[in-house]
Amino acid sequence: VHLNVFERLWASWYAYMQNDVLATGIMSFVMHEVVYF
């Protein structure tokens, strides 16, 4: 409960993926493409 909504969403993503390298890689690439285009 001490975490804010964004922090919970963030932690849940990494817990869901169960692979930090994959979680960061997907998030980074999708972020770049969505923002750029």
Full PDB file with SEQRES, HELIX, SHEET, SSBOND, CRYST1, ORIGX, SCALE, CONECT and MASTER records, all heavy atoms in Angstrom:
SEQRES   1 A   37  VAL HIS LEU ASN VAL PHE GLU ARG LEU TRP ALA SER TRP          
SEQRES   2 A   37  TYR ALA TYR MET GLN ASN ASP VAL LEU ALA THR GLY ILE          
SEQRES   3 A   37  MET SER PHE VAL MET HIS GLU VAL VAL TYR PHE                  
HELIX    1 AA1 VAL A    5  MET A   17  1                                  13    
HELIX    2 AA2 ASP A   20  TYR A   36  1                                  17    
CRYST1    1.000    1.000    1.000  90.00  90.00  90.00 P 1           1          
ORIGX1      1.000000  0.000000  0.000000        0.00000                         
ORIGX2      0.000000  1.000000  0.000000        0.00000                         
ORIGX3      0.000000  0.000000  1.000000        0.00000                         
SCALE1      1.000000  0.000000  0.000000        0.00000                         
SCALE2      0.000000  1.000000  0.000000        0.00000                         
SCALE3      0.000000  0.000000  1.000000        0.00000                         
ATOM      1  N   VAL A   1       0.825  -1.221   0.000  1.00  0.00           N  
ATOM      2  CA  VAL A   1       0.000   0.000   0.000  1.00  0.00           C  
ATOM      3  C   VAL A   1       0.853   1.263   0.000  1.00  0.00           C  
ATOM      4  O   VAL A   1       0.361   2.357  -0.295  1.00  0.00           O  
ATOM      5  CB  VAL A   1      -0.951   0.012   1.212  1.00  0.00           C  
ATOM      6  CG1 VAL A   1      -1.980  -1.103   1.094  1.00  0.00           C  
ATOM      7  CG2 VAL A   1      -0.174  -0.107   2.523  1.00  0.00           C  
ATOM      8  N   HIS A   2       2.122   1.125   0.361  1.00  0.00           N  
ATOM      9  CA  HIS A   2       3.005   2.287   0.375  1.00  0.00           C  
ATOM     10  C   HIS A   2       3.418   2.714  -1.034  1.00  0.00           C  
ATOM     11  O   HIS A   2       3.961   3.813  -1.211  1.00  0.00           O  
ATOM     12  CB  HIS A   2       4.260   1.980   1.194  1.00  0.00           C  
ATOM     13  CG  HIS A   2       5.081   0.856   0.636  1.00  0.00           C  
ATOM     14  ND1 HIS A   2       4.663  -0.461   0.686  1.00  0.00           N  
ATOM     15  CD2 HIS A   2       6.289   0.851  -0.002  1.00  0.00           C  
ATOM     16  CE1 HIS A   2       5.576  -1.234   0.126  1.00  0.00           C  
ATOM     17  NE2 HIS A   2       6.572  -0.471  -0.302  1.00  0.00           N  
ATOM     18  N   LEU A   3       3.182   1.870  -2.028  1.00  0.00           N  
ATOM     19  CA  LEU A   3       3.542   2.203  -3.401  1.00  0.00           C  
ATOM     20  C   LEU A   3       2.391   2.941  -4.081  1.00  0.00           C  
ATOM     21  O   LEU A   3       1.219   2.649  -3.825  1.00  0.00           O  
ATOM     22  CB  LEU A   3       3.863   0.941  -4.203  1.00  0.00           C  
ATOM     23  CG  LEU A   3       5.022   0.076  -3.699  1.00  0.00           C  
ATOM     24  CD1 LEU A   3       5.155  -1.167  -4.566  1.00  0.00           C  
ATOM     25  CD2 LEU A   3       6.324   0.867  -3.678  1.00  0.00           C  
ATOM     26  N   ASN A   4       2.728   3.892  -4.965  1.00  0.00           N  
ATOM     27  CA  ASN A   4       1.670   4.563  -5.722  1.00  0.00           C  
ATOM     28  C   ASN A   4       1.237   3.680  -6.898  1.00  0.00           C  
ATOM     29  O   ASN A   4       1.828   2.620  -7.145  1.00  0.00           O  
ATOM     30  CB  ASN A   4       2.110   5.960  -6.187  1.00  0.00           C  
ATOM     31  CG  ASN A   4       3.292   5.924  -7.143  1.00  0.00           C  
ATOM     32  OD1 ASN A   4       3.359   5.082  -8.046  1.00  0.00           O  
ATOM     33  ND2 ASN A   4       4.239   6.835  -6.965  1.00  0.00           N  
ATOM     34  N   VAL A   5       0.221   4.120  -7.628  1.00  0.00           N  
ATOM     35  CA  VAL A   5      -0.358   3.312  -8.700  1.00  0.00           C  
ATOM     36  C   VAL A   5       0.690   2.970  -9.760  1.00  0.00           C  
ATOM     37  O   VAL A   5       0.787   1.816 -10.205  1.00  0.00           O  
ATOM     38  CB  VAL A   5      -1.544   4.039  -9.352  1.00  0.00           C  
ATOM     39  CG1 VAL A   5      -2.032   3.279 -10.583  1.00  0.00           C  
ATOM     40  CG2 VAL A   5      -2.681   4.196  -8.352  1.00  0.00           C  
ATOM     41  N   PHE A   6       1.486   3.945 -10.157  1.00  0.00           N  
ATOM     42  CA  PHE A   6       2.471   3.710 -11.214  1.00  0.00           C  
ATOM     43  C   PHE A   6       3.548   2.732 -10.749  1.00  0.00           C  
ATOM     44  O   PHE A   6       4.018   1.901 -11.537  1.00  0.00           O  
ATOM     45  CB  PHE A   6       3.088   5.032 -11.651  1.00  0.00           C  
ATOM     46  CG  PHE A   6       2.106   5.974 -12.283  1.00  0.00           C  
ATOM     47  CD1 PHE A   6       1.687   7.104 -11.612  1.00  0.00           C  
ATOM     48  CD2 PHE A   6       1.565   5.705 -13.539  1.00  0.00           C  
ATOM     49  CE1 PHE A   6       0.762   7.970 -12.184  1.00  0.00           C  
ATOM     50  CE2 PHE A   6       0.648   6.551 -14.111  1.00  0.00           C  
ATOM     51  CZ  PHE A   6       0.235   7.697 -13.432  1.00  0.00           C  
ATOM     52  N   GLU A   7       3.929   2.833  -9.491  1.00  0.00           N  
ATOM     53  CA  GLU A   7       4.933   1.909  -8.962  1.00  0.00           C  
ATOM     54  C   GLU A   7       4.382   0.484  -8.906  1.00  0.00           C  
ATOM     55  O   GLU A   7       5.100  -0.479  -9.180  1.00  0.00           O  
ATOM     56  CB  GLU A   7       5.375   2.378  -7.578  1.00  0.00           C  
ATOM     57  CG  GLU A   7       6.220   3.644  -7.620  1.00  0.00           C  
ATOM     58  CD  GLU A   7       6.436   4.266  -6.258  1.00  0.00           C  
ATOM     59  OE1 GLU A   7       5.611   4.009  -5.348  1.00  0.00           O  
ATOM     60  OE2 GLU A   7       7.423   5.016  -6.092  1.00  0.00           O  
ATOM     61  N   ARG A   8       3.110   0.342  -8.581  1.00  0.00           N  
ATOM     62  CA  ARG A   8       2.489  -0.991  -8.563  1.00  0.00           C  
ATOM     63  C   ARG A   8       2.385  -1.568  -9.972  1.00  0.00           C  
ATOM     64  O   ARG A   8       2.628  -2.759 -10.182  1.00  0.00           O  
ATOM     65  CB  ARG A   8       1.099  -0.904  -7.929  1.00  0.00           C  
ATOM     66  CG  ARG A   8       1.112  -0.512  -6.469  1.00  0.00           C  
ATOM     67  CD  ARG A   8      -0.313  -0.338  -5.944  1.00  0.00           C  
ATOM     68  NE  ARG A   8      -0.315   0.421  -4.700  1.00  0.00           N  
ATOM     69  CZ  ARG A   8      -1.413   0.789  -4.055  1.00  0.00           C  
ATOM     70  NH1 ARG A   8      -2.599   0.457  -4.538  1.00  0.00           N  
ATOM     71  NH2 ARG A   8      -1.337   1.479  -2.933  1.00  0.00           N  
ATOM     72  N   LEU A   9       2.014  -0.713 -10.941  1.00  0.00           N  
ATOM     73  CA  LEU A   9       1.952  -1.170 -12.336  1.00  0.00           C  
ATOM     74  C   LEU A   9       3.327  -1.623 -12.814  1.00  0.00           C  
ATOM     75  O   LEU A   9       3.464  -2.642 -13.501  1.00  0.00           O  
ATOM     76  CB  LEU A   9       1.420  -0.044 -13.226  1.00  0.00           C  
ATOM     77  CG  LEU A   9      -0.054   0.322 -13.063  1.00  0.00           C  
ATOM     78  CD1 LEU A   9      -0.361   1.621 -13.812  1.00  0.00           C  
ATOM     79  CD2 LEU A   9      -0.955  -0.794 -13.578  1.00  0.00           C  
ATOM     80  N   TRP A  10       4.336  -0.856 -12.446  1.00  0.00           N  
ATOM     81  CA  TRP A  10       5.721  -1.156 -12.830  1.00  0.00           C  
ATOM     82  C   TRP A  10       6.164  -2.497 -12.234  1.00  0.00           C  
ATOM     83  O   TRP A  10       6.648  -3.378 -12.950  1.00  0.00           O  
ATOM     84  CB  TRP A  10       6.611  -0.022 -12.346  1.00  0.00           C  
ATOM     85  CG  TRP A  10       8.071  -0.161 -12.660  1.00  0.00           C  
ATOM     86  CD1 TRP A  10       8.990  -0.924 -11.991  1.00  0.00           C  
ATOM     87  CD2 TRP A  10       8.796   0.493 -13.705  1.00  0.00           C  
ATOM     88  NE1 TRP A  10      10.235  -0.781 -12.537  1.00  0.00           N  
ATOM     89  CE2 TRP A  10      10.149   0.083 -13.595  1.00  0.00           C  
ATOM     90  CE3 TRP A  10       8.445   1.399 -14.702  1.00  0.00           C  
ATOM     91  CZ2 TRP A  10      11.133   0.549 -14.454  1.00  0.00           C  
ATOM     92  CZ3 TRP A  10       9.437   1.856 -15.556  1.00  0.00           C  
ATOM     93  CH2 TRP A  10      10.754   1.437 -15.437  1.00  0.00           C  
ATOM     94  N   ALA A  11       5.992  -2.659 -10.915  1.00  0.00           N  
ATOM     95  CA  ALA A  11       6.408  -3.885 -10.241  1.00  0.00           C  
ATOM     96  C   ALA A  11       5.625  -5.094 -10.751  1.00  0.00           C  
ATOM     97  O   ALA A  11       6.177  -6.194 -10.892  1.00  0.00           O  
ATOM     98  CB  ALA A  11       6.232  -3.730  -8.730  1.00  0.00           C  
ATOM     99  N   SER A  12       4.349  -4.875 -11.054  1.00  0.00           N  
ATOM    100  CA  SER A  12       3.514  -5.978 -11.553  1.00  0.00           C  
ATOM    101  C   SER A  12       3.983  -6.455 -12.917  1.00  0.00           C  
ATOM    102  O   SER A  12       3.918  -7.639 -13.234  1.00  0.00           O  
ATOM    103  CB  SER A  12       2.048  -5.525 -11.633  1.00  0.00           C  
ATOM    104  OG  SER A  12       1.558  -5.175 -10.355  1.00  0.00           O  
ATOM    105  N   TRP A  13       4.465  -5.526 -13.753  1.00  0.00           N  
ATOM    106  CA  TRP A  13       4.959  -5.894 -15.081  1.00  0.00           C  
ATOM    107  C   TRP A  13       6.165  -6.823 -14.975  1.00  0.00           C  
ATOM    108  O   TRP A  13       6.232  -7.860 -15.640  1.00  0.00           O  
ATOM    109  CB  TRP A  13       5.308  -4.635 -15.868  1.00  0.00           C  
ATOM    110  CG  TRP A  13       6.109  -4.888 -17.114  1.00  0.00           C  
ATOM    111  CD1 TRP A  13       7.407  -4.565 -17.335  1.00  0.00           C  
ATOM    112  CD2 TRP A  13       5.651  -5.525 -18.319  1.00  0.00           C  
ATOM    113  NE1 TRP A  13       7.806  -4.951 -18.596  1.00  0.00           N  
ATOM    114  CE2 TRP A  13       6.741  -5.549 -19.219  1.00  0.00           C  
ATOM    115  CE3 TRP A  13       4.438  -6.078 -18.714  1.00  0.00           C  
ATOM    116  CZ2 TRP A  13       6.660  -6.103 -20.492  1.00  0.00           C  
ATOM    117  CZ3 TRP A  13       4.354  -6.634 -19.993  1.00  0.00           C  
ATOM    118  CH2 TRP A  13       5.445  -6.630 -20.851  1.00  0.00           C  
ATOM    119  N   TYR A  14       7.104  -6.452 -14.113  1.00  0.00           N  
ATOM    120  CA  TYR A  14       8.294  -7.290 -13.950  1.00  0.00           C  
ATOM    121  C   TYR A  14       7.945  -8.639 -13.324  1.00  0.00           C  
ATOM    122  O   TYR A  14       8.504  -9.678 -13.689  1.00  0.00           O  
ATOM    123  CB  TYR A  14       9.346  -6.558 -13.110  1.00  0.00           C  
ATOM    124  CG  TYR A  14      10.166  -5.583 -13.912  1.00  0.00           C  
ATOM    125  CD1 TYR A  14       9.831  -4.229 -13.971  1.00  0.00           C  
ATOM    126  CD2 TYR A  14      11.283  -6.013 -14.627  1.00  0.00           C  
ATOM    127  CE1 TYR A  14      10.585  -3.338 -14.708  1.00  0.00           C  
ATOM    128  CE2 TYR A  14      12.055  -5.127 -15.371  1.00  0.00           C  
ATOM    129  CZ  TYR A  14      11.692  -3.783 -15.414  1.00  0.00           C  
ATOM    130  OH  TYR A  14      12.434  -2.903 -16.151  1.00  0.00           O  
ATOM    131  N   ALA A  15       6.987  -8.628 -12.359  1.00  0.00           N  
ATOM    132  CA  ALA A  15       6.576  -9.887 -11.738  1.00  0.00           C  
ATOM    133  C   ALA A  15       5.854 -10.780 -12.744  1.00  0.00           C  
ATOM    134  O   ALA A  15       6.036 -11.997 -12.746  1.00  0.00           O  
ATOM    135  CB  ALA A  15       5.662  -9.591 -10.548  1.00  0.00           C  
ATOM    136  N   TYR A  16       5.058 -10.168 -13.600  1.00  0.00           N  
ATOM    137  CA  TYR A  16       4.320 -10.924 -14.613  1.00  0.00           C  
ATOM    138  C   TYR A  16       5.267 -11.549 -15.637  1.00  0.00           C  
ATOM    139  O   TYR A  16       5.115 -12.714 -16.020  1.00  0.00           O  
ATOM    140  CB  TYR A  16       3.328 -10.009 -15.309  1.00  0.00           C  
ATOM    141  CG  TYR A  16       2.646 -10.630 -16.508  1.00  0.00           C  
ATOM    142  CD1 TYR A  16       1.700 -11.644 -16.348  1.00  0.00           C  
ATOM    143  CD2 TYR A  16       2.957 -10.205 -17.802  1.00  0.00           C  
ATOM    144  CE1 TYR A  16       1.085 -12.224 -17.445  1.00  0.00           C  
ATOM    145  CE2 TYR A  16       2.342 -10.777 -18.908  1.00  0.00           C  
ATOM    146  CZ  TYR A  16       1.403 -11.785 -18.729  1.00  0.00           C  
ATOM    147  OH  TYR A  16       0.803 -12.360 -19.816  1.00  0.00           O  
ATOM    148  N   MET A  17       6.275 -10.799 -16.072  1.00  0.00           N  
ATOM    149  CA  MET A  17       7.201 -11.290 -17.092  1.00  0.00           C  
ATOM    150  C   MET A  17       8.132 -12.377 -16.556  1.00  0.00           C  
ATOM    151  O   MET A  17       8.533 -13.281 -17.283  1.00  0.00           O  
ATOM    152  CB  MET A  17       8.035 -10.136 -17.655  1.00  0.00           C  
ATOM    153  CG  MET A  17       7.237  -9.127 -18.478  1.00  0.00           C  
ATOM    154  SD  MET A  17       6.431  -9.874 -19.904  1.00  0.00           S  
ATOM    155  CE  MET A  17       7.834 -10.455 -20.837  1.00  0.00           C  
ATOM    156  N   GLN A  18       8.508 -12.264 -15.274  1.00  0.00           N  
ATOM    157  CA  GLN A  18       9.413 -13.238 -14.658  1.00  0.00           C  
ATOM    158  C   GLN A  18      10.775 -13.313 -15.354  1.00  0.00           C  
ATOM    159  O   GLN A  18      11.484 -14.315 -15.260  1.00  0.00           O  
ATOM    160  CB  GLN A  18       8.767 -14.632 -14.632  1.00  0.00           C  
ATOM    161  CG  GLN A  18       7.659 -14.771 -13.604  1.00  0.00           C  
ATOM    162  CD  GLN A  18       8.178 -14.692 -12.185  1.00  0.00           C  
ATOM    163  OE1 GLN A  18       8.985 -15.509 -11.750  1.00  0.00           O  
ATOM    164  NE2 GLN A  18       7.734 -13.683 -11.446  1.00  0.00           N  
ATOM    165  N   ASN A  19      11.088 -12.278 -16.101  1.00  0.00           N  
ATOM    166  CA  ASN A  19      12.380 -12.197 -16.796  1.00  0.00           C  
ATOM    167  C   ASN A  19      12.693 -10.717 -16.970  1.00  0.00           C  
ATOM    168  O   ASN A  19      12.110 -10.058 -17.821  1.00  0.00           O  
ATOM    169  CB  ASN A  19      12.313 -12.905 -18.153  1.00  0.00           C  
ATOM    170  CG  ASN A  19      13.655 -12.927 -18.874  1.00  0.00           C  
ATOM    171  OD1 ASN A  19      14.372 -11.932 -18.899  1.00  0.00           O  
ATOM    172  ND2 ASN A  19      13.985 -14.057 -19.462  1.00  0.00           N  
ATOM    173  N   ASP A  20      13.589 -10.199 -16.142  1.00  0.00           N  
ATOM    174  CA  ASP A  20      13.863  -8.761 -16.140  1.00  0.00           C  
ATOM    175  C   ASP A  20      14.430  -8.259 -17.462  1.00  0.00           C  
ATOM    176  O   ASP A  20      14.131  -7.156 -17.902  1.00  0.00           O  
ATOM    177  CB  ASP A  20      14.817  -8.404 -15.000  1.00  0.00           C  
ATOM    178  CG  ASP A  20      14.127  -8.450 -13.646  1.00  0.00           C  
ATOM    179  OD1 ASP A  20      12.914  -8.765 -13.607  1.00  0.00           O  
ATOM    180  OD2 ASP A  20      14.786  -8.162 -12.627  1.00  0.00           O  
ATOM    181  N   VAL A  21      15.280  -9.081 -18.090  1.00  0.00           N  
ATOM    182  CA  VAL A  21      15.868  -8.680 -19.373  1.00  0.00           C  
ATOM    183  C   VAL A  21      14.774  -8.527 -20.432  1.00  0.00           C  
ATOM    184  O   VAL A  21      14.731  -7.545 -21.172  1.00  0.00           O  
ATOM    185  CB  VAL A  21      16.924  -9.701 -19.834  1.00  0.00           C  
ATOM    186  CG1 VAL A  21      17.430  -9.346 -21.230  1.00  0.00           C  
ATOM    187  CG2 VAL A  21      18.083  -9.756 -18.845  1.00  0.00           C  
ATOM    188  N   LEU A  22      13.882  -9.500 -20.483  1.00  0.00           N  
ATOM    189  CA  LEU A  22      12.778  -9.451 -21.438  1.00  0.00           C  
ATOM    190  C   LEU A  22      11.818  -8.318 -21.114  1.00  0.00           C  
ATOM    191  O   LEU A  22      11.357  -7.600 -22.006  1.00  0.00           O  
ATOM    192  CB  LEU A  22      12.031 -10.787 -21.425  1.00  0.00           C  
ATOM    193  CG  LEU A  22      11.063 -11.071 -22.578  1.00  0.00           C  
ATOM    194  CD1 LEU A  22      11.805 -11.079 -23.913  1.00  0.00           C  
ATOM    195  CD2 LEU A  22      10.355 -12.404 -22.358  1.00  0.00           C  
ATOM    196  N   ALA A  23      11.529  -8.138 -19.825  1.00  0.00           N  
ATOM    197  CA  ALA A  23      10.597  -7.087 -19.410  1.00  0.00           C  
ATOM    198  C   ALA A  23      11.121  -5.706 -19.784  1.00  0.00           C  
ATOM    199  O   ALA A  23      10.391  -4.875 -20.337  1.00  0.00           O  
ATOM    200  CB  ALA A  23      10.358  -7.167 -17.901  1.00  0.00           C  
ATOM    201  N   THR A  24      12.381  -5.453 -19.493  1.00  0.00           N  
ATOM    202  CA  THR A  24      12.983  -4.157 -19.826  1.00  0.00           C  
ATOM    203  C   THR A  24      13.103  -3.991 -21.329  1.00  0.00           C  
ATOM    204  O   THR A  24      12.831  -2.906 -21.868  1.00  0.00           O  
ATOM    205  CB  THR A  24      14.374  -4.020 -19.183  1.00  0.00           C  
ATOM    206  OG1 THR A  24      14.243  -4.113 -17.759  1.00  0.00           O  
ATOM    207  CG2 THR A  24      15.015  -2.681 -19.536  1.00  0.00           C  
ATOM    208  N   GLY A  25      13.486  -5.053 -22.026  1.00  0.00           N  
ATOM    209  CA  GLY A  25      13.653  -4.969 -23.479  1.00  0.00           C  
ATOM    210  C   GLY A  25      12.356  -4.636 -24.190  1.00  0.00           C  
ATOM    211  O   GLY A  25      12.319  -3.732 -25.034  1.00  0.00           O  
ATOM    212  N   ILE A  26      11.283  -5.339 -23.859  1.00  0.00           N  
ATOM    213  CA  ILE A  26       9.986  -5.076 -24.495  1.00  0.00           C  
ATOM    214  C   ILE A  26       9.515  -3.669 -24.166  1.00  0.00           C  
ATOM    215  O   ILE A  26       9.082  -2.917 -25.050  1.00  0.00           O  
ATOM    216  CB  ILE A  26       8.944  -6.121 -24.041  1.00  0.00           C  
ATOM    217  CG1 ILE A  26       9.304  -7.491 -24.597  1.00  0.00           C  
ATOM    218  CG2 ILE A  26       7.541  -5.713 -24.487  1.00  0.00           C  
ATOM    219  CD1 ILE A  26       8.417  -8.616 -24.086  1.00  0.00           C  
ATOM    220  N   MET A  27       9.589  -3.286 -22.891  1.00  0.00           N  
ATOM    221  CA  MET A  27       9.129  -1.967 -22.480  1.00  0.00           C  
ATOM    222  C   MET A  27       9.922  -0.855 -23.160  1.00  0.00           C  
ATOM    223  O   MET A  27       9.362   0.139 -23.613  1.00  0.00           O  
ATOM    224  CB  MET A  27       9.234  -1.835 -20.954  1.00  0.00           C  
ATOM    225  CG  MET A  27       8.631  -0.574 -20.388  1.00  0.00           C  
ATOM    226  SD  MET A  27       8.278  -0.703 -18.601  1.00  0.00           S  
ATOM    227  CE  MET A  27       9.872  -1.253 -17.952  1.00  0.00           C  
ATOM    228  N   SER A  28      11.220  -1.039 -23.263  1.00  0.00           N  
ATOM    229  CA  SER A  28      12.080  -0.019 -23.875  1.00  0.00           C  
ATOM    230  C   SER A  28      11.780   0.154 -25.359  1.00  0.00           C  
ATOM    231  O   SER A  28      11.644   1.274 -25.853  1.00  0.00           O  
ATOM    232  CB  SER A  28      13.556  -0.387 -23.686  1.00  0.00           C  
ATOM    233  OG  SER A  28      13.885  -0.492 -22.322  1.00  0.00           O  
ATOM    234  N   PHE A  29      11.683  -0.966 -26.076  1.00  0.00           N  
ATOM    235  CA  PHE A  29      11.474  -0.889 -27.518  1.00  0.00           C  
ATOM    236  C   PHE A  29      10.085  -0.348 -27.854  1.00  0.00           C  
ATOM    237  O   PHE A  29       9.950   0.518 -28.732  1.00  0.00           O  
ATOM    238  CB  PHE A  29      11.668  -2.256 -28.164  1.00  0.00           C  
ATOM    239  CG  PHE A  29      11.641  -2.229 -29.670  1.00  0.00           C  
ATOM    240  CD1 PHE A  29      12.680  -1.650 -30.379  1.00  0.00           C  
ATOM    241  CD2 PHE A  29      10.571  -2.762 -30.372  1.00  0.00           C  
ATOM    242  CE1 PHE A  29      12.665  -1.609 -31.774  1.00  0.00           C  
ATOM    243  CE2 PHE A  29      10.549  -2.719 -31.758  1.00  0.00           C  
ATOM    244  CZ  PHE A  29      11.587  -2.144 -32.464  1.00  0.00           C  
ATOM    245  N   VAL A  30       9.066  -0.836 -27.160  1.00  0.00           N  
ATOM    246  CA  VAL A  30       7.704  -0.353 -27.409  1.00  0.00           C  
ATOM    247  C   VAL A  30       7.600   1.134 -27.092  1.00  0.00           C  
ATOM    248  O   VAL A  30       6.994   1.899 -27.844  1.00  0.00           O  
ATOM    249  CB  VAL A  30       6.676  -1.158 -26.584  1.00  0.00           C  
ATOM    250  CG1 VAL A  30       5.293  -0.511 -26.660  1.00  0.00           C  
ATOM    251  CG2 VAL A  30       6.606  -2.599 -27.084  1.00  0.00           C  
ATOM    252  N   MET A  31       8.210   1.540 -25.979  1.00  0.00           N  
ATOM    253  CA  MET A  31       8.190   2.960 -25.620  1.00  0.00           C  
ATOM    254  C   MET A  31       8.816   3.819 -26.714  1.00  0.00           C  
ATOM    255  O   MET A  31       8.266   4.842 -27.129  1.00  0.00           O  
ATOM    256  CB  MET A  31       8.942   3.180 -24.314  1.00  0.00           C  
ATOM    257  CG  MET A  31       9.022   4.642 -23.885  1.00  0.00           C  
ATOM    258  SD  MET A  31      10.427   4.996 -22.808  1.00  0.00           S  
ATOM    259  CE  MET A  31      11.826   4.875 -23.949  1.00  0.00           C  
ATOM    260  N   HIS A  32       9.974   3.374 -27.208  1.00  0.00           N  
ATOM    261  CA  HIS A  32      10.671   4.142 -28.240  1.00  0.00           C  
ATOM    262  C   HIS A  32       9.838   4.266 -29.508  1.00  0.00           C  
ATOM    263  O   HIS A  32       9.713   5.349 -30.084  1.00  0.00           O  
ATOM    264  CB  HIS A  32      12.015   3.480 -28.554  1.00  0.00           C  
ATOM    265  CG  HIS A  32      12.833   4.237 -29.551  1.00  0.00           C  
ATOM    266  ND1 HIS A  32      12.706   4.040 -30.914  1.00  0.00           N  
ATOM    267  CD2 HIS A  32      13.772   5.210 -29.393  1.00  0.00           C  
ATOM    268  CE1 HIS A  32      13.530   4.846 -31.546  1.00  0.00           C  
ATOM    269  NE2 HIS A  32      14.192   5.571 -30.654  1.00  0.00           N  
ATOM    270  N   GLU A  33       9.237   3.162 -29.951  1.00  0.00           N  
ATOM    271  CA  GLU A  33       8.462   3.192 -31.194  1.00  0.00           C  
ATOM    272  C   GLU A  33       7.191   4.034 -31.045  1.00  0.00           C  
ATOM    273  O   GLU A  33       6.853   4.828 -31.931  1.00  0.00           O  
ATOM    274  CB  GLU A  33       8.089   1.765 -31.619  1.00  0.00           C  
ATOM    275  CG  GLU A  33       9.279   0.879 -31.920  1.00  0.00           C  
ATOM    276  CD  GLU A  33      10.267   1.525 -32.880  1.00  0.00           C  
ATOM    277  OE1 GLU A  33       9.933   1.655 -34.072  1.00  0.00           O  
ATOM    278  OE2 GLU A  33      11.368   1.909 -32.442  1.00  0.00           O  
ATOM    279  N   VAL A  34       6.502   3.869 -29.927  1.00  0.00           N  
ATOM    280  CA  VAL A  34       5.262   4.619 -29.706  1.00  0.00           C  
ATOM    281  C   VAL A  34       5.547   6.114 -29.633  1.00  0.00           C  
ATOM    282  O   VAL A  34       4.841   6.927 -30.242  1.00  0.00           O  
ATOM    283  CB  VAL A  34       4.559   4.138 -28.416  1.00  0.00           C  
ATOM    284  CG1 VAL A  34       3.421   5.093 -28.025  1.00  0.00           C  
ATOM    285  CG2 VAL A  34       4.017   2.726 -28.602  1.00  0.00           C  
ATOM    286  N   VAL A  35       6.596   6.480 -28.904  1.00  0.00           N  
ATOM    287  CA  VAL A  35       6.929   7.900 -28.761  1.00  0.00           C  
ATOM    288  C   VAL A  35       7.425   8.480 -30.077  1.00  0.00           C  
ATOM    289  O   VAL A  35       6.997   9.570 -30.490  1.00  0.00           O  
ATOM    290  CB  VAL A  35       7.981   8.112 -27.650  1.00  0.00           C  
ATOM    291  CG1 VAL A  35       8.462   9.564 -27.631  1.00  0.00           C  
ATOM    292  CG2 VAL A  35       7.394   7.742 -26.292  1.00  0.00           C  
ATOM    293  N   TYR A  36       8.312   7.747 -30.754  1.00  0.00           N  
ATOM    294  CA  TYR A  36       8.896   8.291 -31.986  1.00  0.00           C  
ATOM    295  C   TYR A  36       7.834   8.535 -33.056  1.00  0.00           C  
ATOM    296  O   TYR A  36       7.714   9.641 -33.603  1.00  0.00           O  
ATOM    297  CB  TYR A  36       9.975   7.353 -32.525  1.00  0.00           C  
ATOM    298  CG  TYR A  36      10.739   7.946 -33.696  1.00  0.00           C  
ATOM    299  CD1 TYR A  36      11.783   8.828 -33.476  1.00  0.00           C  
ATOM    300  CD2 TYR A  36      10.388   7.652 -35.012  1.00  0.00           C  
ATOM    301  CE1 TYR A  36      12.477   9.398 -34.537  1.00  0.00           C  
ATOM    302  CE2 TYR A  36      11.068   8.213 -36.080  1.00  0.00           C  
ATOM    303  CZ  TYR A  36      12.104   9.079 -35.833  1.00  0.00           C  
ATOM    304  OH  TYR A  36      12.769   9.655 -36.890  1.00  0.00           O  
ATOM    305  N   PHE A  37       7.059   7.505 -33.367  1.00  0.00           N  
ATOM    306  CA  PHE A  37       6.064   7.654 -34.427  1.00  0.00           C  
ATOM    307  C   PHE A  37       4.830   8.409 -33.933  1.00  0.00           C  
ATOM    308  O   PHE A  37       4.175   9.117 -34.711  1.00  0.00           O  
ATOM    309  CB  PHE A  37       5.691   6.291 -35.001  1.00  0.00           C  
ATOM    310  CG  PHE A  37       6.806   5.673 -35.792  1.00  0.00           C  
ATOM    311  CD1 PHE A  37       7.583   4.656 -35.251  1.00  0.00           C  
ATOM    312  CD2 PHE A  37       7.101   6.114 -37.071  1.00  0.00           C  
ATOM    313  CE1 PHE A  37       8.632   4.095 -35.968  1.00  0.00           C  
ATOM    314  CE2 PHE A  37       8.144   5.559 -37.806  1.00  0.00           C  
ATOM    315  CZ  PHE A  37       8.918   4.548 -37.252  1.00  0.00           C  
TER     316      PHE A  37                                                      
MASTER        0    0    0    2    0    0    0    6  315    1    0    3          
END                                                                             
